[in-house]
Amino acid sequence: MNMPDKSYMPRGFANSTLDVLNPERSVIVDMVMVQFISAIIVILAVVLFKGNELPASSMSYYVVGLFGCALMLTGVYSRIVR
């Protein structure tokens, strides 16, 4: 193993740990985009399948949330393509 003096952890394992715990910025942006896409899918599913049973106030919250997620996703995507 590549263990210098007084080292408790192999160098390869330490480098792998740093790569996992300190990801590049693009990975974090991708994770944020996935969260917005999943929120859009969930909101659309609720509106499509339970829209008849929801009161108007709840439906308006879902529509506002849907547009908000779409706007935020568009903002993140526009910063990626620059």
N, C-alpha and C. Protein backbone atom coordinates (compact mmCIF):
# COMPACT_ATOMS: atom_id res chain seq x y z
N MET A 1 0.83 -1.19 0.00
CA MET A 1 0.00 0.00 0.00
C MET A 1 0.87 1.24 0.00
N ASN A 2 0.30 2.35 -0.50
CA ASN A 2 1.00 3.63 -0.50
C ASN A 2 0.74 4.37 0.80
N MET A 3 1.41 3.98 1.85
CA MET A 3 1.21 4.62 3.14
C MET A 3 2.52 5.24 3.60
N PRO A 4 2.60 6.58 3.59
CA PRO A 4 3.80 7.21 4.13
C PRO A 4 3.85 7.04 5.64
N ASP A 5 4.93 7.43 6.22
CA ASP A 5 5.09 7.30 7.67
C ASP A 5 3.99 8.06 8.40
N LYS A 6 3.51 7.48 9.48
CA LYS A 6 2.49 8.07 10.36
C LYS A 6 1.18 8.38 9.65
N SER A 7 0.84 7.61 8.64
CA SER A 7 -0.43 7.79 7.95
C SER A 7 -1.34 6.62 8.31
N TYR A 8 -2.57 6.93 8.66
CA TYR A 8 -3.50 5.89 9.07
C TYR A 8 -4.41 5.44 7.94
N MET A 9 -4.38 6.15 6.83
CA MET A 9 -5.29 5.85 5.73
C MET A 9 -4.50 5.77 4.43
N PRO A 10 -4.77 4.76 3.62
CA PRO A 10 -4.09 4.69 2.32
C PRO A 10 -4.42 5.91 1.46
N ARG A 11 -3.45 6.35 0.68
CA ARG A 11 -3.60 7.56 -0.11
C ARG A 11 -4.73 7.44 -1.14
N GLY A 12 -4.87 6.28 -1.78
CA GLY A 12 -5.95 6.10 -2.75
C GLY A 12 -7.32 6.24 -2.13
N PHE A 13 -7.49 5.66 -0.93
CA PHE A 13 -8.77 5.76 -0.24
C PHE A 13 -9.05 7.20 0.16
N ALA A 14 -8.02 7.91 0.61
CA ALA A 14 -8.20 9.31 0.99
C ALA A 14 -8.59 10.16 -0.22
N ASN A 15 -7.96 9.93 -1.36
CA ASN A 15 -8.32 10.68 -2.56
C ASN A 15 -9.73 10.37 -3.02
N SER A 16 -10.14 9.11 -2.94
CA SER A 16 -11.51 8.73 -3.32
C SER A 16 -12.53 9.38 -2.40
N THR A 17 -12.22 9.43 -1.12
CA THR A 17 -13.12 10.05 -0.16
C THR A 17 -13.27 11.54 -0.44
N LEU A 18 -12.16 12.20 -0.75
CA LEU A 18 -12.24 13.63 -1.07
C LEU A 18 -13.04 13.87 -2.34
N ASP A 19 -12.92 12.99 -3.34
CA ASP A 19 -13.69 13.15 -4.57
C ASP A 19 -15.18 13.02 -4.32
N VAL A 20 -15.56 12.10 -3.42
CA VAL A 20 -16.98 11.88 -3.14
C VAL A 20 -17.55 13.02 -2.29
N LEU A 21 -16.81 13.45 -1.27
CA LEU A 21 -17.32 14.45 -0.35
C LEU A 21 -17.17 15.88 -0.84
N ASN A 22 -16.36 16.10 -1.87
CA ASN A 22 -16.16 17.43 -2.41
C ASN A 22 -16.36 17.39 -3.92
N PRO A 23 -17.61 17.23 -4.37
CA PRO A 23 -17.85 17.08 -5.82
C PRO A 23 -17.61 18.37 -6.57
N GLU A 24 -17.43 18.24 -7.87
CA GLU A 24 -17.28 19.41 -8.71
C GLU A 24 -18.61 20.17 -8.75
N ARG A 25 -18.53 21.41 -9.17
CA ARG A 25 -19.72 22.25 -9.19
C ARG A 25 -20.79 21.72 -10.15
N SER A 26 -20.38 21.14 -11.27
CA SER A 26 -21.36 20.66 -12.24
C SER A 26 -22.22 19.54 -11.66
N VAL A 27 -21.64 18.73 -10.78
CA VAL A 27 -22.41 17.65 -10.17
C VAL A 27 -23.49 18.22 -9.27
N ILE A 28 -23.17 19.25 -8.53
CA ILE A 28 -24.14 19.87 -7.63
C ILE A 28 -25.27 20.52 -8.44
N VAL A 29 -24.93 21.18 -9.54
CA VAL A 29 -25.94 21.79 -10.40
C VAL A 29 -26.85 20.72 -10.99
N ASP A 30 -26.27 19.59 -11.39
CA ASP A 30 -27.07 18.49 -11.91
C ASP A 30 -28.04 17.96 -10.86
N MET A 31 -27.59 17.86 -9.62
CA MET A 31 -28.47 17.38 -8.56
C MET A 31 -29.61 18.36 -8.30
N VAL A 32 -29.33 19.65 -8.37
CA VAL A 32 -30.38 20.65 -8.19
C VAL A 32 -31.41 20.55 -9.32
N MET A 33 -30.92 20.38 -10.55
CA MET A 33 -31.84 20.24 -11.68
C MET A 33 -32.70 19.00 -11.55
N VAL A 34 -32.14 17.90 -11.07
CA VAL A 34 -32.93 16.68 -10.88
C VAL A 34 -34.00 16.90 -9.83
N GLN A 35 -33.70 17.65 -8.78
CA GLN A 35 -34.71 17.92 -7.76
C GLN A 35 -35.87 18.76 -8.32
N PHE A 36 -35.56 19.75 -9.14
CA PHE A 36 -36.63 20.55 -9.74
C PHE A 36 -37.45 19.72 -10.72
N ILE A 37 -36.80 18.87 -11.50
CA ILE A 37 -37.54 18.02 -12.44
C ILE A 37 -38.44 17.05 -11.69
N SER A 38 -37.95 16.47 -10.61
CA SER A 38 -38.79 15.54 -9.85
C SER A 38 -39.95 16.27 -9.18
N ALA A 39 -39.74 17.50 -8.72
CA ALA A 39 -40.84 18.28 -8.15
C ALA A 39 -41.90 18.57 -9.20
N ILE A 40 -41.46 18.90 -10.41
CA ILE A 40 -42.41 19.16 -11.51
C ILE A 40 -43.22 17.91 -11.82
N ILE A 41 -42.56 16.76 -11.86
CA ILE A 41 -43.26 15.51 -12.16
C ILE A 41 -44.28 15.17 -11.08
N VAL A 42 -43.89 15.35 -9.82
CA VAL A 42 -44.82 15.04 -8.71
C VAL A 42 -46.01 15.99 -8.73
N ILE A 43 -45.76 17.27 -8.94
CA ILE A 43 -46.87 18.24 -8.97
C ILE A 43 -47.80 17.94 -10.14
N LEU A 44 -47.23 17.63 -11.30
CA LEU A 44 -48.08 17.28 -12.44
C LEU A 44 -48.90 16.03 -12.18
N ALA A 45 -48.31 15.04 -11.52
CA ALA A 45 -49.05 13.81 -11.21
C ALA A 45 -50.20 14.10 -10.25
N VAL A 46 -49.97 14.93 -9.25
CA VAL A 46 -51.04 15.26 -8.30
C VAL A 46 -52.15 16.02 -9.02
N VAL A 47 -51.78 16.98 -9.85
CA VAL A 47 -52.79 17.77 -10.55
C VAL A 47 -53.57 16.90 -11.53
N LEU A 48 -52.90 16.01 -12.23
CA LEU A 48 -53.59 15.19 -13.23
C LEU A 48 -54.48 14.13 -12.60
N PHE A 49 -54.00 13.47 -11.54
CA PHE A 49 -54.75 12.34 -11.00
C PHE A 49 -55.69 12.71 -9.86
N LYS A 50 -55.42 13.77 -9.14
CA LYS A 50 -56.28 14.17 -8.03
C LYS A 50 -56.85 15.57 -8.21
N GLY A 51 -56.78 16.11 -9.41
CA GLY A 51 -57.25 17.47 -9.66
C GLY A 51 -58.73 17.66 -9.41
N ASN A 52 -59.52 16.62 -9.68
CA ASN A 52 -60.97 16.73 -9.48
C ASN A 52 -61.36 16.81 -8.01
N GLU A 53 -60.54 16.21 -7.16
CA GLU A 53 -60.87 16.14 -5.74
C GLU A 53 -60.30 17.30 -4.92
N LEU A 54 -59.40 18.08 -5.50
CA LEU A 54 -58.75 19.15 -4.75
C LEU A 54 -59.61 20.41 -4.75
N PRO A 55 -59.63 21.13 -3.62
CA PRO A 55 -60.32 22.43 -3.62
C PRO A 55 -59.53 23.44 -4.45
N ALA A 56 -60.17 24.52 -4.79
CA ALA A 56 -59.55 25.52 -5.67
C ALA A 56 -58.31 26.14 -5.04
N SER A 57 -58.33 26.34 -3.74
CA SER A 57 -57.16 26.95 -3.09
C SER A 57 -55.94 26.05 -3.16
N SER A 58 -56.13 24.76 -2.93
CA SER A 58 -55.01 23.82 -3.04
C SER A 58 -54.52 23.71 -4.48
N MET A 59 -55.45 23.70 -5.40
CA MET A 59 -55.06 23.61 -6.81
C MET A 59 -54.25 24.82 -7.22
N SER A 60 -54.62 26.00 -6.72
CA SER A 60 -53.86 27.20 -7.07
C SER A 60 -52.45 27.14 -6.49
N TYR A 61 -52.29 26.57 -5.28
CA TYR A 61 -50.95 26.39 -4.73
C TYR A 61 -50.11 25.45 -5.60
N TYR A 62 -50.71 24.38 -6.06
CA TYR A 62 -49.99 23.44 -6.92
C TYR A 62 -49.59 24.10 -8.24
N VAL A 63 -50.46 24.89 -8.81
CA VAL A 63 -50.14 25.55 -10.08
C VAL A 63 -49.03 26.58 -9.88
N VAL A 64 -49.09 27.34 -8.79
CA VAL A 64 -48.03 28.30 -8.49
C VAL A 64 -46.71 27.57 -8.26
N GLY A 65 -46.75 26.46 -7.55
CA GLY A 65 -45.54 25.66 -7.34
C GLY A 65 -44.98 25.10 -8.64
N LEU A 66 -45.88 24.69 -9.52
CA LEU A 66 -45.45 24.16 -10.82
C LEU A 66 -44.75 25.24 -11.64
N PHE A 67 -45.34 26.42 -11.71
CA PHE A 67 -44.71 27.52 -12.45
C PHE A 67 -43.41 27.97 -11.78
N GLY A 68 -43.39 27.98 -10.46
CA GLY A 68 -42.16 28.35 -9.75
C GLY A 68 -41.02 27.39 -10.03
N CYS A 69 -41.33 26.09 -9.98
CA CYS A 69 -40.29 25.09 -10.29
C CYS A 69 -39.83 25.20 -11.74
N ALA A 70 -40.76 25.45 -12.63
CA ALA A 70 -40.39 25.59 -14.04
C ALA A 70 -39.50 26.81 -14.25
N LEU A 71 -39.80 27.92 -13.57
CA LEU A 71 -38.97 29.12 -13.69
C LEU A 71 -37.58 28.90 -13.11
N MET A 72 -37.50 28.24 -11.97
CA MET A 72 -36.20 27.97 -11.36
C MET A 72 -35.37 27.00 -12.21
N LEU A 73 -36.03 25.99 -12.77
CA LEU A 73 -35.33 25.05 -13.64
C LEU A 73 -34.82 25.76 -14.88
N THR A 74 -35.61 26.67 -15.43
CA THR A 74 -35.17 27.45 -16.59
C THR A 74 -33.99 28.33 -16.23
N GLY A 75 -34.01 28.93 -15.06
CA GLY A 75 -32.89 29.76 -14.62
C GLY A 75 -31.60 28.97 -14.46
N VAL A 76 -31.70 27.79 -13.86
CA VAL A 76 -30.51 26.94 -13.70
C VAL A 76 -29.99 26.50 -15.06
N TYR A 77 -30.89 26.11 -15.94
CA TYR A 77 -30.47 25.64 -17.27
C TYR A 77 -29.83 26.77 -18.08
N SER A 78 -30.38 27.98 -17.96
CA SER A 78 -29.81 29.10 -18.72
C SER A 78 -28.40 29.43 -18.23
N ARG A 79 -28.12 29.24 -16.95
CA ARG A 79 -26.77 29.48 -16.45
C ARG A 79 -25.80 28.37 -16.86
N ILE A 80 -26.32 27.18 -17.09
CA ILE A 80 -25.44 26.09 -17.52
C ILE A 80 -24.98 26.31 -18.95
N VAL A 81 -25.87 26.73 -19.83
CA VAL A 81 -25.54 26.83 -21.24
C VAL A 81 -24.72 28.07 -21.57
N ARG A 82 -24.51 28.97 -20.63
CA ARG A 82 -23.69 30.16 -20.90
C ARG A 82 -22.24 29.80 -21.06
